[in-house]
Amino acid sequence: MNSISIKSKNTHIKTISTLGAAIFLASTPAIAQEKEENFEGFKVGIQAGWESRKINEIILPPPNNFRLTNDIDNFSFGGFVGYDAQFDDFVVGVEAELQPDGRKLSAVVPGAGTVEVKSKWSANLSARAGVAATSKLLIYGRLGYRVNRYKGRLTAPGGTVPIISASSNANGIIYGGGIEYAVRKNVSLRAEYRETDFSILLKSRQLMAGASLRF
């Protein structure tokens, strides 16, 4: 009788052990999937969206002291390359970005003609850091340096040839934040808002959407 009881207990123990092992093995892939690092490695990408530019700067020297005050909303686009490193849920990275611009801020100078500041291109180098809220969703902030190449010129009333024309650079700090979603292991989509305060009292606000491919 005792022998039967002992055998029965051993059978229950083996059954429980087998079920426990099965549950562990079944849950292991799910745990691994939750900790999958989708934001690691080198990347290239494109982005496009909306940009608002505003300037409030004295353009013409004394005795004119003409202040150019204007703002414009326009379409913006560009490309970027970068690298991200992921440590569990924490992600840090660097990006270099180039945007061909073409936006023009201008105003009429009474009795002198038209003064304008036309952006030729802009580039930035920035760092970003964020937290993976899930294995596929990254929330991040950005901080870096941005330079804008522009041309300033003064055109006589009714004329097309500039009286004065000069190219220069404006530089400033770019900052903002966004979200990125990993569609696949090596493909991500993102949306981001950023601002730049340039050195010539030129301000830029951007709302951009982009896609990147990782290697």
N, C-alpha and C. Protein backbone atom coordinates (compact mmCIF):
# COMPACT_ATOMS: atom_id res chain seq x y z
N MET A 1 0.84 -1.20 0.00
CA MET A 1 0.00 0.00 0.00
C MET A 1 0.87 1.25 0.00
N ASN A 2 1.95 1.23 0.82
CA ASN A 2 2.84 2.38 0.89
C ASN A 2 3.59 2.56 -0.42
N SER A 3 3.91 1.38 -1.03
CA SER A 3 4.62 1.42 -2.30
C SER A 3 3.79 2.11 -3.37
N ILE A 4 2.51 1.84 -3.40
CA ILE A 4 1.62 2.48 -4.37
C ILE A 4 1.55 3.97 -4.12
N SER A 5 1.50 4.36 -2.85
CA SER A 5 1.41 5.78 -2.49
C SER A 5 2.66 6.52 -2.92
N ILE A 6 3.83 5.89 -2.68
CA ILE A 6 5.09 6.53 -3.06
C ILE A 6 5.18 6.72 -4.57
N LYS A 7 4.78 5.67 -5.33
CA LYS A 7 4.79 5.75 -6.78
C LYS A 7 3.87 6.86 -7.28
N SER A 8 2.72 6.98 -6.63
CA SER A 8 1.76 8.02 -7.01
C SER A 8 2.33 9.41 -6.80
N LYS A 9 3.04 9.59 -5.67
CA LYS A 9 3.65 10.90 -5.37
C LYS A 9 4.73 11.22 -6.39
N ASN A 10 5.55 10.17 -6.73
CA ASN A 10 6.61 10.39 -7.72
C ASN A 10 6.04 10.79 -9.07
N THR A 11 4.91 10.15 -9.41
CA THR A 11 4.25 10.47 -10.68
C THR A 11 3.78 11.92 -10.69
N HIS A 12 3.20 12.39 -9.58
CA HIS A 12 2.74 13.78 -9.47
C HIS A 12 3.91 14.76 -9.57
N ILE A 13 5.02 14.38 -8.91
CA ILE A 13 6.19 15.26 -8.93
C ILE A 13 6.75 15.39 -10.35
N LYS A 14 6.83 14.24 -11.04
CA LYS A 14 7.32 14.26 -12.43
C LYS A 14 6.41 15.08 -13.33
N THR A 15 5.09 14.94 -13.12
CA THR A 15 4.12 15.69 -13.93
C THR A 15 4.27 17.18 -13.70
N ILE A 16 4.39 17.58 -12.44
CA ILE A 16 4.56 19.01 -12.10
C ILE A 16 5.86 19.55 -12.68
N SER A 17 6.94 18.74 -12.58
CA SER A 17 8.23 19.18 -13.12
C SER A 17 8.17 19.36 -14.63
N THR A 18 7.51 18.44 -15.30
CA THR A 18 7.37 18.52 -16.75
C THR A 18 6.57 19.75 -17.17
N LEU A 19 5.48 20.01 -16.45
CA LEU A 19 4.67 21.19 -16.75
C LEU A 19 5.45 22.47 -16.50
N GLY A 20 6.23 22.49 -15.42
CA GLY A 20 7.04 23.66 -15.10
C GLY A 20 8.07 23.94 -16.17
N ALA A 21 8.74 22.86 -16.63
CA ALA A 21 9.73 23.02 -17.70
C ALA A 21 9.09 23.51 -18.99
N ALA A 22 7.89 22.99 -19.30
CA ALA A 22 7.19 23.40 -20.51
C ALA A 22 6.80 24.87 -20.45
N ILE A 23 6.32 25.31 -19.28
CA ILE A 23 5.94 26.72 -19.11
C ILE A 23 7.16 27.63 -19.26
N PHE A 24 8.30 27.21 -18.70
CA PHE A 24 9.52 28.01 -18.78
C PHE A 24 10.00 28.14 -20.23
N LEU A 25 10.01 26.99 -20.94
CA LEU A 25 10.46 27.01 -22.34
C LEU A 25 9.53 27.83 -23.21
N ALA A 26 8.23 27.77 -22.92
CA ALA A 26 7.26 28.53 -23.71
C ALA A 26 7.37 30.02 -23.46
N SER A 27 7.74 30.40 -22.25
CA SER A 27 7.80 31.83 -21.92
C SER A 27 9.12 32.46 -22.31
N THR A 28 10.17 31.65 -22.50
CA THR A 28 11.49 32.19 -22.84
C THR A 28 11.51 32.99 -24.13
N PRO A 29 10.90 32.53 -25.26
CA PRO A 29 10.88 33.34 -26.49
C PRO A 29 10.16 34.66 -26.29
N ALA A 30 9.09 34.68 -25.50
CA ALA A 30 8.34 35.92 -25.27
C ALA A 30 9.20 36.92 -24.54
N ILE A 31 9.96 36.42 -23.53
CA ILE A 31 10.84 37.34 -22.79
C ILE A 31 11.92 37.89 -23.70
N ALA A 32 12.49 37.01 -24.54
CA ALA A 32 13.53 37.46 -25.47
C ALA A 32 12.99 38.48 -26.45
N GLN A 33 11.74 38.29 -26.87
CA GLN A 33 11.15 39.22 -27.82
C GLN A 33 10.93 40.58 -27.18
N GLU A 34 10.54 40.60 -25.90
CA GLU A 34 10.32 41.87 -25.21
C GLU A 34 11.61 42.67 -25.11
N LYS A 35 12.76 42.00 -25.00
CA LYS A 35 14.03 42.67 -24.84
C LYS A 35 14.78 42.80 -26.16
N GLU A 36 14.12 42.57 -27.26
CA GLU A 36 14.76 42.70 -28.57
C GLU A 36 15.19 44.14 -28.80
N GLU A 37 16.43 44.31 -29.25
CA GLU A 37 16.99 45.65 -29.44
C GLU A 37 16.81 46.06 -30.90
N ASN A 38 15.81 46.90 -31.15
CA ASN A 38 15.48 47.34 -32.51
C ASN A 38 16.11 48.67 -32.89
N PHE A 39 16.83 49.30 -31.97
CA PHE A 39 17.37 50.64 -32.22
C PHE A 39 18.89 50.65 -32.08
N GLU A 40 19.53 49.66 -32.65
CA GLU A 40 20.98 49.50 -32.55
C GLU A 40 21.60 49.47 -33.93
N GLY A 41 22.69 50.23 -34.13
CA GLY A 41 23.45 50.12 -35.36
C GLY A 41 23.50 51.37 -36.22
N PHE A 42 24.21 51.26 -37.34
CA PHE A 42 24.31 52.37 -38.30
C PHE A 42 23.00 52.49 -39.08
N LYS A 43 22.70 53.72 -39.53
CA LYS A 43 21.44 53.95 -40.24
C LYS A 43 21.60 55.07 -41.26
N VAL A 44 20.73 55.03 -42.27
CA VAL A 44 20.57 56.13 -43.23
C VAL A 44 19.07 56.38 -43.33
N GLY A 45 18.69 57.64 -43.60
CA GLY A 45 17.27 57.92 -43.66
C GLY A 45 16.93 59.18 -44.42
N ILE A 46 15.65 59.36 -44.66
CA ILE A 46 15.12 60.57 -45.29
C ILE A 46 13.99 61.10 -44.42
N GLN A 47 13.71 62.39 -44.55
CA GLN A 47 12.61 62.99 -43.78
C GLN A 47 12.07 64.21 -44.51
N ALA A 48 10.86 64.56 -44.18
CA ALA A 48 10.21 65.72 -44.80
C ALA A 48 9.12 66.22 -43.85
N GLY A 49 8.73 67.49 -44.05
CA GLY A 49 7.68 68.04 -43.20
C GLY A 49 7.53 69.54 -43.35
N TRP A 50 7.11 70.17 -42.27
CA TRP A 50 6.78 71.59 -42.25
C TRP A 50 7.85 72.36 -41.50
N GLU A 51 8.18 73.55 -42.02
CA GLU A 51 9.12 74.43 -41.33
C GLU A 51 8.60 75.86 -41.33
N SER A 52 8.73 76.51 -40.19
CA SER A 52 8.40 77.93 -40.05
C SER A 52 9.68 78.68 -39.73
N ARG A 53 9.95 79.73 -40.51
CA ARG A 53 11.14 80.55 -40.27
C ARG A 53 10.73 81.99 -39.99
N LYS A 54 11.41 82.59 -39.04
CA LYS A 54 11.11 83.97 -38.66
C LYS A 54 12.43 84.71 -38.41
N ILE A 55 12.51 85.94 -38.94
CA ILE A 55 13.71 86.75 -38.74
C ILE A 55 13.33 88.13 -38.23
N ASN A 56 14.20 88.68 -37.39
CA ASN A 56 14.03 90.03 -36.86
C ASN A 56 15.43 90.60 -36.63
N GLU A 57 16.04 91.07 -37.72
CA GLU A 57 17.46 91.41 -37.69
C GLU A 57 17.74 92.67 -38.50
N ILE A 58 18.68 93.51 -38.01
CA ILE A 58 19.14 94.68 -38.78
C ILE A 58 20.04 94.17 -39.90
N ILE A 59 19.59 94.34 -41.13
CA ILE A 59 20.31 93.82 -42.29
C ILE A 59 21.25 94.86 -42.89
N LEU A 60 20.76 96.08 -43.09
CA LEU A 60 21.59 97.13 -43.69
C LEU A 60 22.32 97.90 -42.60
N PRO A 61 23.59 98.20 -42.82
CA PRO A 61 24.40 98.90 -41.81
C PRO A 61 24.01 100.38 -41.71
N PRO A 62 24.50 101.09 -40.66
CA PRO A 62 24.25 102.54 -40.54
C PRO A 62 24.73 103.24 -41.80
N PRO A 63 24.09 104.32 -42.23
CA PRO A 63 23.01 105.02 -41.50
C PRO A 63 21.61 104.45 -41.78
N ASN A 64 21.52 103.40 -42.59
CA ASN A 64 20.21 102.86 -42.94
C ASN A 64 19.53 102.17 -41.75
N ASN A 65 20.28 101.27 -41.12
CA ASN A 65 19.76 100.51 -39.97
C ASN A 65 18.39 99.89 -40.27
N PHE A 66 18.30 99.28 -41.44
CA PHE A 66 17.01 98.68 -41.80
C PHE A 66 16.86 97.30 -41.15
N ARG A 67 15.76 97.10 -40.48
CA ARG A 67 15.50 95.83 -39.81
C ARG A 67 14.56 94.98 -40.66
N LEU A 68 15.04 93.78 -41.00
CA LEU A 68 14.24 92.83 -41.76
C LEU A 68 13.40 92.00 -40.79
N THR A 69 12.09 92.16 -40.89
CA THR A 69 11.15 91.40 -40.05
C THR A 69 10.18 90.67 -40.96
N ASN A 70 10.28 89.35 -40.97
CA ASN A 70 9.43 88.57 -41.87
C ASN A 70 9.35 87.14 -41.35
N ASP A 71 8.34 86.42 -41.79
CA ASP A 71 8.24 85.00 -41.45
C ASP A 71 7.60 84.26 -42.62
N ILE A 72 7.88 82.95 -42.71
CA ILE A 72 7.39 82.15 -43.81
C ILE A 72 7.23 80.70 -43.36
N ASP A 73 6.18 80.04 -43.85
CA ASP A 73 5.98 78.61 -43.64
C ASP A 73 6.22 77.90 -44.98
N ASN A 74 6.89 76.76 -44.91
CA ASN A 74 7.22 76.09 -46.16
C ASN A 74 7.49 74.61 -45.93
N PHE A 75 7.57 73.86 -47.04
CA PHE A 75 7.91 72.45 -47.03
C PHE A 75 9.42 72.30 -46.85
N SER A 76 9.83 71.31 -46.07
CA SER A 76 11.24 71.07 -45.82
C SER A 76 11.54 69.58 -45.97
N PHE A 77 12.74 69.25 -46.46
CA PHE A 77 13.10 67.85 -46.61
C PHE A 77 14.62 67.71 -46.50
N GLY A 78 15.08 66.48 -46.30
CA GLY A 78 16.50 66.24 -46.20
C GLY A 78 16.82 64.78 -45.92
N GLY A 79 18.10 64.51 -45.70
CA GLY A 79 18.55 63.16 -45.42
C GLY A 79 19.48 63.16 -44.22
N PHE A 80 19.67 61.98 -43.62
CA PHE A 80 20.54 61.88 -42.45
C PHE A 80 21.22 60.52 -42.40
N VAL A 81 22.35 60.50 -41.69
CA VAL A 81 23.07 59.27 -41.38
C VAL A 81 23.39 59.30 -39.89
N GLY A 82 23.55 58.14 -39.29
CA GLY A 82 23.84 58.14 -37.86
C GLY A 82 24.12 56.77 -37.31
N TYR A 83 24.31 56.74 -36.01
CA TYR A 83 24.55 55.49 -35.30
C TYR A 83 23.88 55.56 -33.94
N ASP A 84 23.21 54.47 -33.55
CA ASP A 84 22.57 54.36 -32.24
C ASP A 84 23.13 53.16 -31.51
N ALA A 85 23.26 53.29 -30.19
CA ALA A 85 23.63 52.17 -29.33
C ALA A 85 22.51 51.98 -28.31
N GLN A 86 22.09 50.74 -28.14
CA GLN A 86 20.99 50.44 -27.22
C GLN A 86 21.50 49.58 -26.06
N PHE A 87 21.20 50.04 -24.84
CA PHE A 87 21.55 49.34 -23.62
C PHE A 87 20.26 49.01 -22.88
N ASP A 88 19.74 47.80 -23.13
CA ASP A 88 18.43 47.40 -22.60
C ASP A 88 17.38 48.37 -23.13
N ASP A 89 16.81 49.21 -22.25
CA ASP A 89 15.76 50.14 -22.69
C ASP A 89 16.29 51.53 -22.99
N PHE A 90 17.58 51.78 -22.78
CA PHE A 90 18.15 53.11 -22.97
C PHE A 90 18.89 53.17 -24.30
N VAL A 91 18.64 54.24 -25.08
CA VAL A 91 19.23 54.40 -26.41
C VAL A 91 19.94 55.74 -26.51
N VAL A 92 21.18 55.74 -27.00
CA VAL A 92 21.92 56.97 -27.27
C VAL A 92 22.47 56.90 -28.69
N GLY A 93 22.60 58.05 -29.33
CA GLY A 93 23.10 58.04 -30.70
C GLY A 93 23.53 59.40 -31.18
N VAL A 94 24.12 59.42 -32.37
CA VAL A 94 24.53 60.67 -33.03
C VAL A 94 24.00 60.65 -34.46
N GLU A 95 23.70 61.84 -34.99
CA GLU A 95 23.21 61.96 -36.36
C GLU A 95 23.82 63.17 -37.05
N ALA A 96 24.08 63.05 -38.34
CA ALA A 96 24.46 64.17 -39.20
C ALA A 96 23.38 64.31 -40.26
N GLU A 97 22.94 65.54 -40.49
CA GLU A 97 21.78 65.78 -41.36
C GLU A 97 22.05 66.92 -42.32
N LEU A 98 21.53 66.81 -43.54
CA LEU A 98 21.67 67.87 -44.55
C LEU A 98 20.31 68.17 -45.15
N GLN A 99 19.99 69.48 -45.28
CA GLN A 99 18.73 69.91 -45.88
C GLN A 99 19.00 70.97 -46.94
N PRO A 100 18.61 70.72 -48.20
CA PRO A 100 18.62 71.80 -49.19
C PRO A 100 17.43 72.70 -48.92
N ASP A 101 17.67 73.98 -48.77
CA ASP A 101 16.60 74.86 -48.30
C ASP A 101 15.88 75.62 -49.41
N GLY A 102 16.30 76.86 -49.68
CA GLY A 102 15.66 77.64 -50.72
C GLY A 102 14.62 78.63 -50.24
N ARG A 103 14.35 78.67 -48.93
CA ARG A 103 13.37 79.63 -48.44
C ARG A 103 13.95 81.05 -48.44
N LYS A 104 13.08 82.03 -48.70
CA LYS A 104 13.53 83.41 -48.82
C LYS A 104 12.70 84.31 -47.93
N LEU A 105 13.38 85.10 -47.08
CA LEU A 105 12.75 86.12 -46.24
C LEU A 105 13.11 87.47 -46.82
N SER A 106 12.11 88.33 -47.07
CA SER A 106 12.38 89.59 -47.75
C SER A 106 11.45 90.70 -47.28
N ALA A 107 11.83 91.92 -47.61
CA ALA A 107 11.01 93.10 -47.29
C ALA A 107 11.42 94.25 -48.21
N VAL A 108 10.50 95.17 -48.43
CA VAL A 108 10.76 96.35 -49.26
C VAL A 108 11.36 97.45 -48.39
N VAL A 109 12.50 98.00 -48.84
CA VAL A 109 13.14 99.12 -48.16
C VAL A 109 12.67 100.41 -48.82
N PRO A 110 11.97 101.29 -48.09
CA PRO A 110 11.45 102.53 -48.69
C PRO A 110 12.53 103.33 -49.41
N GLY A 111 12.32 103.55 -50.69
CA GLY A 111 13.23 104.36 -51.49
C GLY A 111 14.51 103.66 -51.89
N ALA A 112 14.70 102.42 -51.50
CA ALA A 112 15.97 101.75 -51.80
C ALA A 112 15.80 100.47 -52.61
N GLY A 113 14.68 99.79 -52.48
CA GLY A 113 14.48 98.55 -53.21
C GLY A 113 14.02 97.42 -52.31
N THR A 114 14.51 96.22 -52.58
CA THR A 114 14.11 95.04 -51.82
C THR A 114 15.32 94.37 -51.21
N VAL A 115 15.23 94.07 -49.93
CA VAL A 115 16.29 93.34 -49.25
C VAL A 115 15.77 91.93 -48.94
N GLU A 116 16.64 90.95 -49.10
CA GLU A 116 16.22 89.57 -48.86
C GLU A 116 17.35 88.73 -48.29
N VAL A 117 16.95 87.71 -47.55
CA VAL A 117 17.87 86.71 -47.02
C VAL A 117 17.36 85.36 -47.52
N LYS A 118 18.13 84.71 -48.38
CA LYS A 118 17.72 83.44 -48.96
C LYS A 118 18.59 82.31 -48.43
N SER A 119 17.96 81.32 -47.85
CA SER A 119 18.67 80.16 -47.31
C SER A 119 19.07 79.23 -48.45
N LYS A 120 20.35 78.82 -48.47
CA LYS A 120 20.84 77.92 -49.51
C LYS A 120 20.79 76.46 -49.05
N TRP A 121 21.30 76.20 -47.86
CA TRP A 121 21.25 74.87 -47.28
C TRP A 121 21.51 74.96 -45.78
N SER A 122 21.17 73.91 -45.08
CA SER A 122 21.48 73.83 -43.66
C SER A 122 21.93 72.41 -43.32
N ALA A 123 22.76 72.31 -42.29
CA ALA A 123 23.25 71.01 -41.84
C ALA A 123 23.35 71.03 -40.33
N ASN A 124 23.20 69.87 -39.73
CA ASN A 124 23.36 69.81 -38.28
C ASN A 124 24.02 68.51 -37.86
N LEU A 125 24.67 68.57 -36.71
CA LEU A 125 25.25 67.41 -36.05
C LEU A 125 24.69 67.40 -34.64
N SER A 126 24.01 66.33 -34.29
CA SER A 126 23.31 66.31 -33.00
C SER A 126 23.41 64.95 -32.33
N ALA A 127 23.17 64.96 -31.03
CA ALA A 127 23.09 63.73 -30.25
C ALA A 127 21.66 63.56 -29.79
N ARG A 128 21.25 62.31 -29.62
CA ARG A 128 19.93 62.06 -29.10
C ARG A 128 20.00 60.94 -28.05
N ALA A 129 19.05 60.98 -27.12
CA ALA A 129 18.99 59.96 -26.07
C ALA A 129 17.53 59.72 -25.75
N GLY A 130 17.20 58.47 -25.48
CA GLY A 130 15.80 58.16 -25.21
C GLY A 130 15.61 56.83 -24.51
N VAL A 131 14.35 56.51 -24.31
CA VAL A 131 13.97 55.28 -23.62
C VAL A 131 13.01 54.51 -24.50
N ALA A 132 13.25 53.20 -24.63
CA ALA A 132 12.35 52.33 -25.37
C ALA A 132 11.16 51.98 -24.47
N ALA A 133 10.03 52.63 -24.71
CA ALA A 133 8.84 52.37 -23.90
C ALA A 133 8.36 50.93 -24.10
N THR A 134 8.51 50.42 -25.32
CA THR A 134 8.29 49.01 -25.63
C THR A 134 9.45 48.58 -26.51
N SER A 135 9.46 47.31 -26.92
CA SER A 135 10.54 46.84 -27.78
C SER A 135 10.54 47.54 -29.14
N LYS A 136 9.43 48.14 -29.53
CA LYS A 136 9.31 48.77 -30.85
C LYS A 136 9.14 50.29 -30.81
N LEU A 137 8.90 50.88 -29.64
CA LEU A 137 8.61 52.31 -29.55
C LEU A 137 9.67 53.03 -28.73
N LEU A 138 10.35 54.01 -29.36
CA LEU A 138 11.39 54.81 -28.71
C LEU A 138 10.90 56.24 -28.54
N ILE A 139 11.09 56.79 -27.35
CA ILE A 139 10.80 58.20 -27.06
C ILE A 139 12.13 58.88 -26.76
N TYR A 140 12.46 59.97 -27.47
CA TYR A 140 13.81 60.54 -27.34
C TYR A 140 13.81 62.06 -27.38
N GLY A 141 14.92 62.63 -26.95
CA GLY A 141 15.19 64.06 -27.05
C GLY A 141 16.45 64.28 -27.88
N ARG A 142 16.57 65.49 -28.45
CA ARG A 142 17.71 65.80 -29.34
C ARG A 142 18.33 67.13 -28.95
N LEU A 143 19.67 67.20 -29.08
CA LEU A 143 20.40 68.44 -28.83
C LEU A 143 21.65 68.45 -29.71
N GLY A 144 21.89 69.59 -30.39
CA GLY A 144 23.07 69.64 -31.26
C GLY A 144 23.35 71.02 -31.82
N TYR A 145 24.17 71.05 -32.86
CA TYR A 145 24.63 72.28 -33.51
C TYR A 145 24.15 72.29 -34.96
N ARG A 146 23.63 73.43 -35.40
CA ARG A 146 23.13 73.55 -36.76
C ARG A 146 23.72 74.79 -37.43
N VAL A 147 24.10 74.66 -38.70
CA VAL A 147 24.62 75.78 -39.48
C VAL A 147 23.75 75.97 -40.72
N ASN A 148 23.51 77.23 -41.08
CA ASN A 148 22.67 77.57 -42.22
C ASN A 148 23.46 78.51 -43.15
N ARG A 149 23.67 78.10 -44.38
CA ARG A 149 24.32 78.94 -45.38
C ARG A 149 23.26 79.76 -46.07
N TYR A 150 23.42 81.07 -46.11
CA TYR A 150 22.42 81.93 -46.71
C TYR A 150 23.09 83.05 -47.51
N LYS A 151 22.31 83.66 -48.39
CA LYS A 151 22.78 84.80 -49.18
C LYS A 151 21.87 85.99 -48.91
N GLY A 152 22.50 87.13 -48.59
CA GLY A 152 21.76 88.37 -48.42
C GLY A 152 22.03 89.30 -49.58
N ARG A 153 20.97 90.00 -50.04
CA ARG A 153 21.19 90.92 -51.16
C ARG A 153 20.16 92.06 -51.15
N LEU A 154 20.57 93.16 -51.76
CA LEU A 154 19.70 94.32 -51.92
C LEU A 154 19.52 94.60 -53.40
N THR A 155 18.27 94.67 -53.84
CA THR A 155 17.95 94.90 -55.24
C THR A 155 17.25 96.25 -55.39
N ALA A 156 17.66 97.02 -56.40
CA ALA A 156 17.06 98.35 -56.63
C ALA A 156 15.60 98.21 -57.02
N PRO A 157 14.80 99.27 -56.79
CA PRO A 157 13.37 99.22 -57.16
C PRO A 157 13.19 98.89 -58.64
N GLY A 158 12.39 97.87 -58.93
CA GLY A 158 12.12 97.46 -60.30
C GLY A 158 13.24 96.70 -60.96
N GLY A 159 14.33 96.46 -60.26
CA GLY A 159 15.47 95.77 -60.85
C GLY A 159 15.54 94.31 -60.45
N THR A 160 16.40 93.59 -61.14
CA THR A 160 16.61 92.17 -60.84
C THR A 160 18.05 91.87 -60.45
N VAL A 161 18.96 92.75 -60.84
CA VAL A 161 20.37 92.56 -60.50
C VAL A 161 20.65 93.20 -59.14
N PRO A 162 21.19 92.45 -58.18
CA PRO A 162 21.41 93.01 -56.84
C PRO A 162 22.49 94.09 -56.82
N ILE A 163 22.23 95.11 -56.03
CA ILE A 163 23.23 96.16 -55.81
C ILE A 163 24.31 95.65 -54.87
N ILE A 164 23.86 94.97 -53.82
CA ILE A 164 24.76 94.37 -52.84
C ILE A 164 24.39 92.89 -52.70
N SER A 165 25.39 92.04 -52.66
CA SER A 165 25.13 90.60 -52.50
C SER A 165 26.29 89.97 -51.74
N ALA A 166 25.97 89.18 -50.73
CA ALA A 166 27.01 88.53 -49.94
C ALA A 166 26.46 87.25 -49.31
N SER A 167 27.32 86.25 -49.20
CA SER A 167 26.94 84.99 -48.56
C SER A 167 27.59 84.87 -47.19
N SER A 168 26.90 84.22 -46.29
CA SER A 168 27.42 84.07 -44.94
C SER A 168 26.78 82.85 -44.28
N ASN A 169 27.23 82.54 -43.06
CA ASN A 169 26.67 81.42 -42.30
C ASN A 169 25.99 81.93 -41.04
N ALA A 170 24.89 81.31 -40.71
CA ALA A 170 24.25 81.50 -39.41
C ALA A 170 24.33 80.17 -38.68
N ASN A 171 24.63 80.22 -37.40
CA ASN A 171 24.74 78.98 -36.65
C ASN A 171 23.94 79.08 -35.36
N GLY A 172 23.60 77.93 -34.81
CA GLY A 172 22.82 77.94 -33.58
C GLY A 172 22.63 76.55 -33.01
N ILE A 173 21.88 76.48 -31.92
CA ILE A 173 21.60 75.24 -31.22
C ILE A 173 20.27 74.67 -31.69
N ILE A 174 20.28 73.39 -32.07
CA ILE A 174 19.05 72.70 -32.43
C ILE A 174 18.66 71.79 -31.28
N TYR A 175 17.37 71.81 -30.93
CA TYR A 175 16.89 71.00 -29.82
C TYR A 175 15.44 70.58 -30.08
N GLY A 176 15.05 69.45 -29.52
CA GLY A 176 13.68 68.96 -29.73
C GLY A 176 13.54 67.53 -29.25
N GLY A 177 12.54 66.86 -29.78
CA GLY A 177 12.29 65.49 -29.37
C GLY A 177 11.28 64.83 -30.28
N GLY A 178 11.14 63.51 -30.13
CA GLY A 178 10.22 62.79 -31.00
C GLY A 178 10.01 61.36 -30.57
N ILE A 179 9.36 60.61 -31.44
CA ILE A 179 9.11 59.19 -31.23
C ILE A 179 9.55 58.43 -32.47
N GLU A 180 10.00 57.19 -32.26
CA GLU A 180 10.41 56.34 -33.37
C GLU A 180 9.79 54.95 -33.18
N TYR A 181 9.29 54.39 -34.26
CA TYR A 181 8.64 53.08 -34.20
C TYR A 181 9.35 52.11 -35.14
N ALA A 182 9.74 50.95 -34.60
CA ALA A 182 10.43 49.94 -35.39
C ALA A 182 9.40 49.06 -36.11
N VAL A 183 9.24 49.31 -37.41
CA VAL A 183 8.31 48.50 -38.20
C VAL A 183 8.86 47.08 -38.33
N ARG A 184 10.17 46.99 -38.56
CA ARG A 184 10.89 45.72 -38.60
C ARG A 184 12.21 45.92 -37.88
N LYS A 185 12.99 44.87 -37.79
CA LYS A 185 14.28 44.95 -37.09
C LYS A 185 15.16 46.05 -37.64
N ASN A 186 15.14 46.25 -38.96
CA ASN A 186 16.04 47.23 -39.57
C ASN A 186 15.32 48.39 -40.25
N VAL A 187 14.02 48.54 -40.04
CA VAL A 187 13.26 49.63 -40.65
C VAL A 187 12.46 50.36 -39.57
N SER A 188 12.62 51.69 -39.51
CA SER A 188 11.94 52.49 -38.50
C SER A 188 11.27 53.71 -39.13
N LEU A 189 10.17 54.13 -38.52
CA LEU A 189 9.49 55.38 -38.86
C LEU A 189 9.55 56.31 -37.65
N ARG A 190 9.62 57.64 -37.91
CA ARG A 190 9.69 58.56 -36.78
C ARG A 190 8.98 59.87 -37.08
N ALA A 191 8.62 60.56 -36.00
CA ALA A 191 8.04 61.90 -36.07
C ALA A 191 8.75 62.74 -35.02
N GLU A 192 9.10 63.99 -35.39
CA GLU A 192 9.94 64.79 -34.50
C GLU A 192 9.62 66.28 -34.63
N TYR A 193 9.67 66.98 -33.49
CA TYR A 193 9.56 68.44 -33.47
C TYR A 193 10.89 68.99 -32.99
N ARG A 194 11.41 70.04 -33.70
CA ARG A 194 12.66 70.65 -33.25
C ARG A 194 12.66 72.15 -33.53
N GLU A 195 13.49 72.87 -32.79
CA GLU A 195 13.66 74.31 -32.96
C GLU A 195 15.15 74.63 -33.06
N THR A 196 15.44 75.75 -33.76
CA THR A 196 16.81 76.26 -33.84
C THR A 196 16.79 77.77 -33.66
N ASP A 197 17.64 78.27 -32.78
CA ASP A 197 17.84 79.72 -32.61
C ASP A 197 19.19 80.06 -33.24
N PHE A 198 19.15 80.73 -34.41
CA PHE A 198 20.38 81.06 -35.11
C PHE A 198 20.98 82.36 -34.58
N SER A 199 22.24 82.63 -35.00
CA SER A 199 22.99 83.78 -34.49
C SER A 199 22.52 85.11 -35.04
N ILE A 200 21.72 85.12 -36.11
CA ILE A 200 21.29 86.41 -36.69
C ILE A 200 19.82 86.69 -36.37
N LEU A 201 19.38 86.28 -35.21
CA LEU A 201 17.98 86.45 -34.78
C LEU A 201 17.02 85.81 -35.78
N LEU A 202 17.48 84.70 -36.33
CA LEU A 202 16.66 83.87 -37.21
C LEU A 202 16.24 82.64 -36.42
N LYS A 203 14.95 82.33 -36.45
CA LYS A 203 14.44 81.20 -35.69
C LYS A 203 13.75 80.22 -36.63
N SER A 204 13.98 78.94 -36.40
CA SER A 204 13.37 77.88 -37.21
C SER A 204 12.61 76.91 -36.32
N ARG A 205 11.40 76.56 -36.75
CA ARG A 205 10.62 75.50 -36.10
C ARG A 205 10.26 74.46 -37.14
N GLN A 206 10.46 73.20 -36.81
CA GLN A 206 10.21 72.12 -37.77
C GLN A 206 9.40 70.99 -37.14
N LEU A 207 8.50 70.44 -37.94
CA LEU A 207 7.77 69.23 -37.59
C LEU A 207 8.02 68.26 -38.73
N MET A 208 8.80 67.21 -38.47
CA MET A 208 9.29 66.34 -39.52
C MET A 208 8.87 64.89 -39.29
N ALA A 209 8.64 64.18 -40.40
CA ALA A 209 8.39 62.73 -40.37
C ALA A 209 9.44 62.07 -41.24
N GLY A 210 9.95 60.91 -40.81
CA GLY A 210 11.01 60.28 -41.56
C GLY A 210 11.02 58.78 -41.46
N ALA A 211 11.89 58.18 -42.26
CA ALA A 211 12.07 56.73 -42.26
C ALA A 211 13.56 56.43 -42.34
N SER A 212 13.99 55.36 -41.68
CA SER A 212 15.41 55.01 -41.67
C SER A 212 15.59 53.51 -41.88
N LEU A 213 16.76 53.18 -42.44
CA LEU A 213 17.14 51.79 -42.68
C LEU A 213 18.44 51.53 -41.92
N ARG A 214 18.45 50.48 -41.11
CA ARG A 214 19.62 50.14 -40.29
C ARG A 214 20.43 49.01 -40.90
N PHE A 215 21.72 49.03 -40.59
CA PHE A 215 22.65 48.01 -41.10
C PHE A 215 23.32 47.29 -39.94
